[in-house]
Amino acid sequence: MRALMWLLLAVLVIFALRKKNQSRSTPVNPAQMRPDAADDMANSTADIETMLCCERCQVYFPASEAVMRGEKVYCCTAHADQA
């Protein structure tokens, strides 16, 4: 009886691992997704913003937060004023 229980547990673990590996390797087909999921994916890529590097501290930051002084780009007004 004990051996049967261990065998059943092993079969369940193997089944779960196979199921997990199949879901990783299966590409997502947009036609099979729910209708609003494709919109969520499109919106998430639309939110991606260009990253710029500060001339002073070399930290990358979103382009919307950039402080321009001439041709140079800074992450904040304090760094722009120091240059």
N, C-alpha and C. Protein backbone atom coordinates (compact mmCIF):
# COMPACT_ATOMS: atom_id res chain seq x y z
N MET A 1 0.83 -1.19 0.00
CA MET A 1 0.00 0.00 0.00
C MET A 1 0.87 1.26 0.00
N ARG A 2 1.92 1.23 0.80
CA ARG A 2 2.82 2.37 0.90
C ARG A 2 3.54 2.60 -0.43
N ALA A 3 3.96 1.53 -1.10
CA ALA A 3 4.66 1.64 -2.38
C ALA A 3 3.72 2.22 -3.45
N LEU A 4 2.46 1.84 -3.40
CA LEU A 4 1.47 2.36 -4.34
C LEU A 4 1.29 3.87 -4.17
N MET A 5 1.29 4.32 -2.93
CA MET A 5 1.16 5.75 -2.65
C MET A 5 2.37 6.51 -3.20
N TRP A 6 3.59 5.99 -3.02
CA TRP A 6 4.78 6.63 -3.54
C TRP A 6 4.78 6.65 -5.08
N LEU A 7 4.32 5.57 -5.67
CA LEU A 7 4.24 5.50 -7.12
C LEU A 7 3.24 6.53 -7.65
N LEU A 8 2.10 6.65 -7.01
CA LEU A 8 1.11 7.65 -7.40
C LEU A 8 1.67 9.06 -7.26
N LEU A 9 2.39 9.32 -6.20
CA LEU A 9 3.01 10.63 -5.99
C LEU A 9 4.03 10.93 -7.09
N ALA A 10 4.84 9.94 -7.45
CA ALA A 10 5.84 10.12 -8.51
C ALA A 10 5.17 10.41 -9.84
N VAL A 11 4.09 9.71 -10.15
CA VAL A 11 3.38 9.94 -11.40
C VAL A 11 2.79 11.35 -11.43
N LEU A 12 2.25 11.80 -10.33
CA LEU A 12 1.70 13.16 -10.27
C LEU A 12 2.78 14.22 -10.45
N VAL A 13 3.93 14.01 -9.84
CA VAL A 13 5.04 14.97 -9.99
C VAL A 13 5.51 15.01 -11.44
N ILE A 14 5.66 13.84 -12.05
CA ILE A 14 6.09 13.79 -13.45
C ILE A 14 5.06 14.48 -14.35
N PHE A 15 3.79 14.23 -14.11
CA PHE A 15 2.74 14.87 -14.89
C PHE A 15 2.78 16.39 -14.73
N ALA A 16 2.99 16.87 -13.52
CA ALA A 16 3.04 18.31 -13.28
C ALA A 16 4.24 18.94 -13.96
N LEU A 17 5.39 18.27 -13.92
CA LEU A 17 6.59 18.81 -14.58
C LEU A 17 6.42 18.86 -16.10
N ARG A 18 5.82 17.83 -16.67
CA ARG A 18 5.58 17.85 -18.12
C ARG A 18 4.62 18.96 -18.50
N LYS A 19 3.60 19.14 -17.72
CA LYS A 19 2.63 20.20 -17.98
C LYS A 19 3.30 21.57 -17.91
N LYS A 20 4.16 21.75 -16.93
CA LYS A 20 4.86 23.02 -16.77
C LYS A 20 5.80 23.28 -17.95
N ASN A 21 6.52 22.27 -18.41
CA ASN A 21 7.42 22.43 -19.54
C ASN A 21 6.67 22.69 -20.83
N GLN A 22 5.50 22.10 -21.01
CA GLN A 22 4.71 22.35 -22.20
C GLN A 22 4.23 23.79 -22.25
N SER A 23 3.85 24.34 -21.12
CA SER A 23 3.35 25.71 -21.10
C SER A 23 4.46 26.71 -21.38
N ARG A 24 5.69 26.38 -21.02
CA ARG A 24 6.82 27.28 -21.31
C ARG A 24 7.16 27.28 -22.78
N SER A 25 7.13 26.12 -23.42
CA SER A 25 7.58 26.03 -24.80
C SER A 25 6.49 26.39 -25.80
N THR A 26 5.25 26.46 -25.39
CA THR A 26 4.16 26.78 -26.30
C THR A 26 4.10 28.29 -26.51
N PRO A 27 4.28 28.75 -27.76
CA PRO A 27 4.19 30.19 -28.00
C PRO A 27 2.74 30.67 -27.84
N VAL A 28 2.62 31.93 -27.48
CA VAL A 28 1.29 32.51 -27.30
C VAL A 28 0.74 32.91 -28.65
N ASN A 29 -0.43 32.42 -28.96
CA ASN A 29 -1.12 32.77 -30.20
C ASN A 29 -2.14 33.85 -29.86
N PRO A 30 -1.98 35.06 -30.39
CA PRO A 30 -2.91 36.14 -30.05
C PRO A 30 -4.37 35.82 -30.37
N ALA A 31 -4.63 34.95 -31.35
CA ALA A 31 -6.00 34.61 -31.71
C ALA A 31 -6.67 33.78 -30.62
N GLN A 32 -5.88 33.07 -29.80
CA GLN A 32 -6.43 32.24 -28.75
C GLN A 32 -6.55 32.97 -27.42
N MET A 33 -6.06 34.18 -27.35
CA MET A 33 -6.11 34.95 -26.11
C MET A 33 -7.49 35.57 -25.95
N ARG A 34 -7.82 35.95 -24.74
CA ARG A 34 -9.08 36.66 -24.55
C ARG A 34 -8.96 38.02 -25.22
N PRO A 35 -10.05 38.60 -25.68
CA PRO A 35 -9.99 39.82 -26.50
C PRO A 35 -9.25 40.99 -25.86
N ASP A 36 -9.41 41.21 -24.58
CA ASP A 36 -8.76 42.37 -23.96
C ASP A 36 -7.31 42.10 -23.60
N ALA A 37 -6.84 40.85 -23.64
CA ALA A 37 -5.45 40.55 -23.31
C ALA A 37 -4.51 41.08 -24.38
N ALA A 38 -4.91 41.03 -25.63
CA ALA A 38 -4.08 41.58 -26.70
C ALA A 38 -3.92 43.09 -26.53
N ASP A 39 -4.97 43.76 -26.08
CA ASP A 39 -4.88 45.19 -25.82
C ASP A 39 -3.94 45.48 -24.67
N ASP A 40 -3.95 44.63 -23.64
CA ASP A 40 -3.03 44.80 -22.51
C ASP A 40 -1.59 44.69 -22.96
N MET A 41 -1.31 43.73 -23.86
CA MET A 41 0.05 43.56 -24.36
C MET A 41 0.46 44.77 -25.19
N ALA A 42 -0.44 45.29 -26.01
CA ALA A 42 -0.13 46.46 -26.83
C ALA A 42 0.11 47.67 -25.95
N ASN A 43 -0.68 47.84 -24.89
CA ASN A 43 -0.50 48.97 -23.99
C ASN A 43 0.80 48.87 -23.22
N SER A 44 1.21 47.67 -22.85
CA SER A 44 2.44 47.54 -22.08
C SER A 44 3.65 47.89 -22.94
N THR A 45 3.62 47.58 -24.23
CA THR A 45 4.74 47.95 -25.08
C THR A 45 4.68 49.43 -25.43
N ALA A 46 3.49 50.03 -25.41
CA ALA A 46 3.38 51.46 -25.68
C ALA A 46 3.93 52.28 -24.52
N ASP A 47 3.94 51.71 -23.32
CA ASP A 47 4.44 52.41 -22.15
C ASP A 47 5.97 52.40 -22.05
N ILE A 48 6.64 51.66 -22.90
CA ILE A 48 8.09 51.59 -22.86
C ILE A 48 8.65 52.94 -23.27
N GLU A 49 9.61 53.42 -22.50
CA GLU A 49 10.16 54.75 -22.76
C GLU A 49 11.66 54.66 -22.97
N THR A 50 12.18 55.54 -23.79
CA THR A 50 13.61 55.58 -24.05
C THR A 50 14.37 55.99 -22.80
N MET A 51 15.47 55.31 -22.53
CA MET A 51 16.30 55.63 -21.38
C MET A 51 17.50 56.45 -21.85
N LEU A 52 17.85 57.45 -21.09
CA LEU A 52 18.99 58.31 -21.38
C LEU A 52 19.99 58.22 -20.25
N CYS A 53 21.22 58.61 -20.53
CA CYS A 53 22.29 58.55 -19.53
C CYS A 53 22.69 59.97 -19.13
N CYS A 54 22.74 60.22 -17.84
CA CYS A 54 23.12 61.54 -17.32
C CYS A 54 24.60 61.79 -17.59
N GLU A 55 24.93 63.00 -18.06
CA GLU A 55 26.31 63.37 -18.35
C GLU A 55 27.16 63.44 -17.07
N ARG A 56 26.53 63.75 -15.96
CA ARG A 56 27.27 63.93 -14.69
C ARG A 56 27.47 62.63 -13.94
N CYS A 57 26.39 61.89 -13.65
CA CYS A 57 26.49 60.72 -12.77
C CYS A 57 26.41 59.39 -13.52
N GLN A 58 26.18 59.42 -14.83
CA GLN A 58 26.12 58.21 -15.66
C GLN A 58 24.99 57.25 -15.29
N VAL A 59 23.94 57.77 -14.65
CA VAL A 59 22.77 56.96 -14.29
C VAL A 59 21.76 57.05 -15.42
N TYR A 60 21.12 55.92 -15.75
CA TYR A 60 20.09 55.91 -16.78
C TYR A 60 18.74 56.27 -16.18
N PHE A 61 17.97 57.06 -16.93
CA PHE A 61 16.67 57.53 -16.45
C PHE A 61 15.75 57.70 -17.65
N PRO A 62 14.43 57.76 -17.43
CA PRO A 62 13.49 57.91 -18.55
C PRO A 62 13.65 59.27 -19.24
N ALA A 63 13.44 59.28 -20.53
CA ALA A 63 13.60 60.50 -21.32
C ALA A 63 12.63 61.60 -20.90
N SER A 64 11.49 61.22 -20.34
CA SER A 64 10.52 62.23 -19.92
C SER A 64 11.01 63.05 -18.72
N GLU A 65 12.01 62.54 -17.99
CA GLU A 65 12.54 63.25 -16.83
C GLU A 65 13.84 64.01 -17.15
N ALA A 66 14.21 64.06 -18.41
CA ALA A 66 15.48 64.66 -18.82
C ALA A 66 15.49 66.17 -18.64
N VAL A 67 16.66 66.67 -18.24
CA VAL A 67 16.91 68.11 -18.17
C VAL A 67 17.99 68.39 -19.21
N MET A 68 17.64 69.17 -20.22
CA MET A 68 18.57 69.45 -21.32
C MET A 68 19.28 70.78 -21.08
N ARG A 69 20.56 70.77 -21.29
CA ARG A 69 21.37 71.99 -21.29
C ARG A 69 22.26 71.93 -22.52
N GLY A 70 21.86 72.65 -23.54
CA GLY A 70 22.56 72.58 -24.82
C GLY A 70 22.34 71.21 -25.43
N GLU A 71 23.43 70.53 -25.76
CA GLU A 71 23.37 69.19 -26.34
C GLU A 71 23.42 68.11 -25.27
N LYS A 72 23.69 68.47 -24.03
CA LYS A 72 23.89 67.49 -22.97
C LYS A 72 22.59 67.20 -22.22
N VAL A 73 22.50 65.98 -21.70
CA VAL A 73 21.31 65.51 -21.00
C VAL A 73 21.68 65.20 -19.56
N TYR A 74 20.84 65.66 -18.62
CA TYR A 74 21.08 65.43 -17.20
C TYR A 74 19.83 64.83 -16.56
N CYS A 75 20.03 64.15 -15.43
CA CYS A 75 18.91 63.49 -14.76
C CYS A 75 18.14 64.44 -13.85
N CYS A 76 18.75 65.55 -13.45
CA CYS A 76 18.07 66.51 -12.58
C CYS A 76 18.67 67.89 -12.78
N THR A 77 18.00 68.91 -12.27
CA THR A 77 18.49 70.27 -12.43
C THR A 77 19.76 70.52 -11.64
N ALA A 78 19.92 69.83 -10.52
CA ALA A 78 21.14 70.00 -9.73
C ALA A 78 22.38 69.58 -10.53
N HIS A 79 22.30 68.46 -11.25
CA HIS A 79 23.44 68.03 -12.05
C HIS A 79 23.63 68.95 -13.25
N ALA A 80 22.56 69.45 -13.81
CA ALA A 80 22.68 70.37 -14.94
C ALA A 80 23.34 71.68 -14.50
N ASP A 81 23.02 72.14 -13.28
CA ASP A 81 23.59 73.38 -12.77
C ASP A 81 25.07 73.22 -12.41
N GLN A 82 25.48 72.02 -12.01
CA GLN A 82 26.88 71.77 -11.63
C GLN A 82 27.80 71.74 -12.86
N ALA A 83 27.25 71.46 -14.00
CA ALA A 83 28.09 71.31 -15.19
C ALA A 83 28.48 72.63 -15.79
